[in-house]
Amino acid sequence: ASDVIRGIRDMVRKVEGKRAVVDVNAVVADVVRLARPDAHARGCELTTDLEPELPPVLADPVQLQQVLLNLVINAFDAMRTLPRDPCRVEIVSCRTDAEVEVSVRDRGPGLPAEAPSRVFERFYSTKREGMGMGLAIARSIVEAHCGTLNAENAAGGGARFWFRIPAHEQAAVAHATAGSA
């Protein structure tokens, strides 16, 4: 948890993260360990469906934890007014072409119908007490890793947020290209 907080401070100060070859499923496991007590306190079930043979990525693991933890906590918050029975958050990892994808799905009310992409704008929040910075920061972290962060209303209700970052074979090339642009 202290690494995540330190990572947020470093990002605000524009400190370059430490990139390494990272097992995304290990990052997911770390976040699940961090979030499980919160899930339990909220009466939420936190499940995973992780593709076992994912390629590694070139990333700052603490920054990936920040992104994923933000998505998971937002999912819990989206369901805070619902009865405890449907309170379930699912994290899924998979490979898509040359990228690794991680998604977080909740069973809450979904994204705002009028402008679902607004959730990524700075200072826009669907939460009464929200600051509107979490998803904007998460998107900038993913983009700094040459990836994308998106959201959609999920079939059957709720929202699904997912990010994709290049698999390690492509990560070095994408990072070098982004750095020279």
C-alpha atoms as a PDB file:
ATOM      1  CA  ALA A   1       0.000   0.000   0.000  1.00  0.00           C
ATOM      2  CA  SER A   2       2.838   2.402   0.801  1.00  0.00           C
ATOM      3  CA  ASP A   3       4.373   1.689  -2.631  1.00  0.00           C
ATOM      4  CA  VAL A   4       1.082   2.661  -4.289  1.00  0.00           C
ATOM      5  CA  ILE A   5       0.916   5.929  -2.296  1.00  0.00           C
ATOM      6  CA  ARG A   6       4.582   6.666  -3.058  1.00  0.00           C
ATOM      7  CA  GLY A   7       3.859   5.960  -6.735  1.00  0.00           C
ATOM      8  CA  ILE A   8       1.008   8.489  -6.777  1.00  0.00           C
ATOM      9  CA  ARG A   9       3.277  11.119  -5.209  1.00  0.00           C
ATOM     10  CA  ASP A  10       6.018  10.364  -7.757  1.00  0.00           C
ATOM     11  CA  MET A  11       3.562  10.618 -10.617  1.00  0.00           C
ATOM     12  CA  VAL A  12       2.312  13.999  -9.440  1.00  0.00           C
ATOM     13  CA  ARG A  13       5.952  15.122  -9.291  1.00  0.00           C
ATOM     14  CA  LYS A  14       6.524  13.599 -12.781  1.00  0.00           C
ATOM     15  CA  VAL A  15       9.100  11.108 -11.527  1.00  0.00           C
ATOM     16  CA  GLU A  16       9.768   8.375 -14.114  1.00  0.00           C
ATOM     17  CA  GLY A  17       8.674   4.961 -12.837  1.00  0.00           C
ATOM     18  CA  LYS A  18      10.947   1.945 -12.721  1.00  0.00           C
ATOM     19  CA  ARG A  19      10.119  -0.311 -15.653  1.00  0.00           C
ATOM     20  CA  ALA A  20      10.756  -4.019 -15.506  1.00  0.00           C
ATOM     21  CA  VAL A  21       9.494  -7.177 -17.142  1.00  0.00           C
ATOM     22  CA  VAL A  22       6.267  -7.814 -15.231  1.00  0.00           C
ATOM     23  CA  ASP A  23       3.855 -10.719 -14.863  1.00  0.00           C
ATOM     24  CA  VAL A  24       0.449  -9.011 -15.034  1.00  0.00           C
ATOM     25  CA  ASN A  25      -1.246 -11.894 -13.218  1.00  0.00           C
ATOM     26  CA  ALA A  26       1.140 -11.356 -10.290  1.00  0.00           C
ATOM     27  CA  VAL A  27       0.098  -7.677 -10.235  1.00  0.00           C
ATOM     28  CA  VAL A  28      -3.554  -8.766 -10.186  1.00  0.00           C
ATOM     29  CA  ALA A  29      -2.830 -11.172  -7.304  1.00  0.00           C
ATOM     30  CA  ASP A  30      -1.153  -8.369  -5.324  1.00  0.00           C
ATOM     31  CA  VAL A  31      -4.120  -6.043  -5.856  1.00  0.00           C
ATOM     32  CA  VAL A  32      -6.578  -8.775  -4.873  1.00  0.00           C
ATOM     33  CA  ARG A  33      -4.627  -9.264  -1.622  1.00  0.00           C
ATOM     34  CA  LEU A  34      -4.784  -5.500  -0.976  1.00  0.00           C
ATOM     35  CA  ALA A  35      -8.480  -5.164  -1.885  1.00  0.00           C
ATOM     36  CA  ARG A  36      -9.869  -8.359  -0.340  1.00  0.00           C
ATOM     37  CA  PRO A  37     -10.331  -6.876   3.199  1.00  0.00           C
ATOM     38  CA  ASP A  38     -12.245  -3.934   1.663  1.00  0.00           C
ATOM     39  CA  ALA A  39     -14.332  -6.337  -0.435  1.00  0.00           C
ATOM     40  CA  HIS A  40     -15.119  -8.390   2.657  1.00  0.00           C
ATOM     41  CA  ALA A  41     -16.068  -5.285   4.680  1.00  0.00           C
ATOM     42  CA  ARG A  42     -18.437  -4.212   1.891  1.00  0.00           C
ATOM     43  CA  GLY A  43     -19.914  -7.681   1.489  1.00  0.00           C
ATOM     44  CA  CYS A  44     -18.558  -7.924  -2.069  1.00  0.00           C
ATOM     45  CA  GLU A  45     -17.222 -10.981  -3.785  1.00  0.00           C
ATOM     46  CA  LEU A  46     -13.930 -10.359  -5.613  1.00  0.00           C
ATOM     47  CA  THR A  47     -13.193 -12.996  -8.259  1.00  0.00           C
ATOM     48  CA  THR A  48     -10.536 -13.494 -10.906  1.00  0.00           C
ATOM     49  CA  ASP A  49     -10.354 -15.303 -14.225  1.00  0.00           C
ATOM     50  CA  LEU A  50      -6.706 -15.089 -15.255  1.00  0.00           C
ATOM     51  CA  GLU A  51      -5.276 -16.494 -18.466  1.00  0.00           C
ATOM     52  CA  PRO A  52      -2.419 -18.692 -17.261  1.00  0.00           C
ATOM     53  CA  GLU A  53       0.019 -18.248 -20.160  1.00  0.00           C
ATOM     54  CA  LEU A  54       0.112 -14.458 -20.495  1.00  0.00           C
ATOM     55  CA  PRO A  55       3.255 -12.926 -21.929  1.00  0.00           C
ATOM     56  CA  PRO A  56       5.029 -10.459 -19.635  1.00  0.00           C
ATOM     57  CA  VAL A  57       4.830  -6.689 -20.128  1.00  0.00           C
ATOM     58  CA  LEU A  58       7.436  -3.961 -19.741  1.00  0.00           C
ATOM     59  CA  ALA A  59       5.957  -1.783 -17.004  1.00  0.00           C
ATOM     60  CA  ASP A  60       6.258  -0.184 -13.615  1.00  0.00           C
ATOM     61  CA  PRO A  61       4.479  -2.781 -11.454  1.00  0.00           C
ATOM     62  CA  VAL A  62       3.514  -0.251  -8.776  1.00  0.00           C
ATOM     63  CA  GLN A  63       1.868   1.988 -11.374  1.00  0.00           C
ATOM     64  CA  LEU A  64      -0.079  -0.988 -12.750  1.00  0.00           C
ATOM     65  CA  GLN A  65      -1.181  -1.747  -9.189  1.00  0.00           C
ATOM     66  CA  GLN A  66      -2.367   1.871  -8.864  1.00  0.00           C
ATOM     67  CA  VAL A  67      -4.469   1.570 -12.017  1.00  0.00           C
ATOM     68  CA  LEU A  68      -5.980  -1.765 -11.086  1.00  0.00           C
ATOM     69  CA  LEU A  69      -6.623  -0.815  -7.464  1.00  0.00           C
ATOM     70  CA  ASN A  70      -8.399   2.347  -8.623  1.00  0.00           C
ATOM     71  CA  LEU A  71     -10.625   0.322 -10.963  1.00  0.00           C
ATOM     72  CA  VAL A  72     -11.454  -2.223  -8.250  1.00  0.00           C
ATOM     73  CA  ILE A  73     -12.261   0.396  -5.589  1.00  0.00           C
ATOM     74  CA  ASN A  74     -14.409   2.284  -8.120  1.00  0.00           C
ATOM     75  CA  ALA A  75     -16.262  -0.964  -8.830  1.00  0.00           C
ATOM     76  CA  PHE A  76     -16.929  -1.459  -5.113  1.00  0.00           C
ATOM     77  CA  ASP A  77     -18.120   2.146  -4.847  1.00  0.00           C
ATOM     78  CA  ALA A  78     -20.444   1.730  -7.845  1.00  0.00           C
ATOM     79  CA  MET A  79     -22.321  -0.984  -5.964  1.00  0.00           C
ATOM     80  CA  ARG A  80     -22.399   0.625  -2.517  1.00  0.00           C
ATOM     81  CA  THR A  81     -26.143   1.384  -2.641  1.00  0.00           C
ATOM     82  CA  LEU A  82     -27.152  -2.029  -4.005  1.00  0.00           C
ATOM     83  CA  PRO A  83     -28.219  -4.987  -1.915  1.00  0.00           C
ATOM     84  CA  ARG A  84     -25.203  -7.097  -0.947  1.00  0.00           C
ATOM     85  CA  ASP A  85     -26.307 -10.124  -3.002  1.00  0.00           C
ATOM     86  CA  PRO A  86     -25.283  -8.871  -6.460  1.00  0.00           C
ATOM     87  CA  CYS A  87     -22.119  -7.205  -5.107  1.00  0.00           C
ATOM     88  CA  ARG A  88     -19.505  -8.939  -7.225  1.00  0.00           C
ATOM     89  CA  VAL A  89     -16.389  -7.620  -8.948  1.00  0.00           C
ATOM     90  CA  GLU A  90     -14.552  -9.740 -11.495  1.00  0.00           C
ATOM     91  CA  ILE A  91     -11.000  -9.200 -12.737  1.00  0.00           C
ATOM     92  CA  VAL A  92     -10.100 -10.925 -15.999  1.00  0.00           C
ATOM     93  CA  SER A  93      -6.757 -11.094 -17.789  1.00  0.00           C
ATOM     94  CA  CYS A  94      -6.193 -12.248 -21.358  1.00  0.00           C
ATOM     95  CA  ARG A  95      -4.009 -11.769 -24.392  1.00  0.00           C
ATOM     96  CA  THR A  96      -5.336  -9.852 -27.380  1.00  0.00           C
ATOM     97  CA  ASP A  97      -3.020 -10.004 -30.396  1.00  0.00           C
ATOM     98  CA  ALA A  98       0.194  -8.278 -29.248  1.00  0.00           C
ATOM     99  CA  GLU A  99      -1.264  -6.873 -26.032  1.00  0.00           C
ATOM    100  CA  VAL A 100      -2.210  -7.994 -22.555  1.00  0.00           C
ATOM    101  CA  GLU A 101      -5.667  -6.956 -21.366  1.00  0.00           C
ATOM    102  CA  VAL A 102      -6.947  -6.672 -17.810  1.00  0.00           C
ATOM    103  CA  SER A 103     -10.603  -5.882 -17.175  1.00  0.00           C
ATOM    104  CA  VAL A 104     -12.636  -5.093 -14.076  1.00  0.00           C
ATOM    105  CA  ARG A 105     -16.389  -5.638 -14.183  1.00  0.00           C
ATOM    106  CA  ASP A 106     -18.957  -4.634 -11.594  1.00  0.00           C
ATOM    107  CA  ARG A 107     -22.713  -5.188 -11.326  1.00  0.00           C
ATOM    108  CA  GLY A 108     -23.550  -1.576 -10.457  1.00  0.00           C
ATOM    109  CA  PRO A 109     -25.688   0.985 -12.305  1.00  0.00           C
ATOM    110  CA  GLY A 110     -23.239   1.321 -15.204  1.00  0.00           C
ATOM    111  CA  LEU A 111     -21.752   4.380 -16.869  1.00  0.00           C
ATOM    112  CA  PRO A 112     -23.708   7.610 -17.398  1.00  0.00           C
ATOM    113  CA  ALA A 113     -25.858   7.114 -20.501  1.00  0.00           C
ATOM    114  CA  GLU A 114     -25.446  10.699 -21.731  1.00  0.00           C
ATOM    115  CA  ALA A 115     -21.653  10.622 -22.007  1.00  0.00           C
ATOM    116  CA  PRO A 116     -19.928   7.456 -20.781  1.00  0.00           C
ATOM    117  CA  SER A 117     -16.448   8.623 -21.833  1.00  0.00           C
ATOM    118  CA  ARG A 118     -16.693  11.644 -19.498  1.00  0.00           C
ATOM    119  CA  VAL A 119     -15.657   9.406 -16.581  1.00  0.00           C
ATOM    120  CA  PHE A 120     -12.044   9.837 -17.786  1.00  0.00           C
ATOM    121  CA  GLU A 121     -12.172  13.655 -17.679  1.00  0.00           C
ATOM    122  CA  ARG A 122     -10.339  15.418 -14.873  1.00  0.00           C
ATOM    123  CA  PHE A 123     -12.664  16.684 -12.123  1.00  0.00           C
ATOM    124  CA  TYR A 124     -15.677  14.747 -13.464  1.00  0.00           C
ATOM    125  CA  SER A 125     -17.094  12.283 -10.978  1.00  0.00           C
ATOM    126  CA  THR A 126     -20.267  10.244 -10.670  1.00  0.00           C
ATOM    127  CA  LYS A 127     -19.635   9.985  -6.911  1.00  0.00           C
ATOM    128  CA  ARG A 128     -20.920  12.705  -4.618  1.00  0.00           C
ATOM    129  CA  GLU A 129     -17.664  12.728  -2.658  1.00  0.00           C
ATOM    130  CA  GLY A 130     -15.440  11.964  -5.658  1.00  0.00           C
ATOM    131  CA  MET A 131     -12.655  14.271  -6.833  1.00  0.00           C
ATOM    132  CA  GLY A 132     -12.743  13.126 -10.454  1.00  0.00           C
ATOM    133  CA  MET A 133      -9.011  12.439 -10.642  1.00  0.00           C
ATOM    134  CA  GLY A 134      -8.657   8.670 -10.241  1.00  0.00           C
ATOM    135  CA  LEU A 135      -9.624   7.576 -13.744  1.00  0.00           C
ATOM    136  CA  ALA A 136      -7.804  10.499 -15.372  1.00  0.00           C
ATOM    137  CA  ILE A 137      -4.621   9.491 -13.543  1.00  0.00           C
ATOM    138  CA  ALA A 138      -5.178   5.820 -14.343  1.00  0.00           C
ATOM    139  CA  ARG A 139      -5.575   6.619 -18.038  1.00  0.00           C
ATOM    140  CA  SER A 140      -2.387   8.710 -18.074  1.00  0.00           C
ATOM    141  CA  ILE A 141      -0.465   5.849 -16.419  1.00  0.00           C
ATOM    142  CA  VAL A 142      -1.725   3.341 -18.990  1.00  0.00           C
ATOM    143  CA  GLU A 143      -0.962   5.719 -21.864  1.00  0.00           C
ATOM    144  CA  ALA A 144       2.570   6.225 -20.484  1.00  0.00           C
ATOM    145  CA  HIS A 145       2.902   2.440 -20.895  1.00  0.00           C
ATOM    146  CA  CYS A 146       1.867   2.780 -24.590  1.00  0.00           C
ATOM    147  CA  GLY A 147      -1.545   1.336 -23.763  1.00  0.00           C
ATOM    148  CA  THR A 148      -5.216   2.264 -23.664  1.00  0.00           C
ATOM    149  CA  LEU A 149      -7.838   2.409 -20.899  1.00  0.00           C
ATOM    150  CA  ASN A 150     -11.503   2.151 -21.889  1.00  0.00           C
ATOM    151  CA  ALA A 151     -14.924   1.574 -20.391  1.00  0.00           C
ATOM    152  CA  GLU A 152     -18.318   0.323 -21.481  1.00  0.00           C
ATOM    153  CA  ASN A 153     -21.660  -0.598 -20.044  1.00  0.00           C
ATOM    154  CA  ALA A 154     -21.577  -4.366 -19.656  1.00  0.00           C
ATOM    155  CA  ALA A 155     -24.197  -6.696 -21.038  1.00  0.00           C
ATOM    156  CA  GLY A 156     -26.502  -7.670 -18.192  1.00  0.00           C
ATOM    157  CA  GLY A 157     -25.786  -4.483 -16.227  1.00  0.00           C
ATOM    158  CA  GLY A 158     -22.852  -2.817 -14.600  1.00  0.00           C
ATOM    159  CA  ALA A 159     -19.704  -1.429 -16.127  1.00  0.00           C
ATOM    160  CA  ARG A 160     -16.531  -2.964 -17.501  1.00  0.00           C
ATOM    161  CA  PHE A 161     -13.252  -1.059 -17.486  1.00  0.00           C
ATOM    162  CA  TRP A 162     -10.246  -2.519 -19.236  1.00  0.00           C
ATOM    163  CA  PHE A 163      -6.716  -1.585 -20.087  1.00  0.00           C
ATOM    164  CA  ARG A 164      -4.398  -3.011 -22.693  1.00  0.00           C
ATOM    165  CA  ILE A 165      -0.635  -2.667 -22.771  1.00  0.00           C
ATOM    166  CA  PRO A 166       1.848  -4.159 -25.229  1.00  0.00           C
ATOM    167  CA  ALA A 167       3.216  -7.601 -24.497  1.00  0.00           C
ATOM    168  CA  HIS A 168       6.939  -7.561 -23.678  1.00  0.00           C
ATOM    169  CA  GLU A 169       8.098  -8.412 -27.201  1.00  0.00           C
ATOM    170  CA  GLN A 170       6.361  -5.274 -28.471  1.00  0.00           C
ATOM    171  CA  ALA A 171       6.703  -3.157 -25.316  1.00  0.00           C
ATOM    172  CA  ALA A 172      10.317  -2.130 -25.916  1.00  0.00           C
ATOM    173  CA  VAL A 173       9.564  -1.032 -29.490  1.00  0.00           C
ATOM    174  CA  ALA A 174       6.391   0.872 -28.478  1.00  0.00           C
ATOM    175  CA  HIS A 175       8.171   2.588 -25.575  1.00  0.00           C
ATOM    176  CA  ALA A 176      11.097   3.663 -27.791  1.00  0.00           C
ATOM    177  CA  THR A 177       8.682   4.990 -30.428  1.00  0.00           C
ATOM    178  CA  ALA A 178       6.649   6.925 -27.842  1.00  0.00           C
ATOM    179  CA  GLY A 179       9.811   8.383 -26.319  1.00  0.00           C
ATOM    180  CA  SER A 180      11.044   9.735 -29.660  1.00  0.00           C
ATOM    181  CA  ALA A 181       7.682  11.307 -30.578  1.00  0.00           C
END
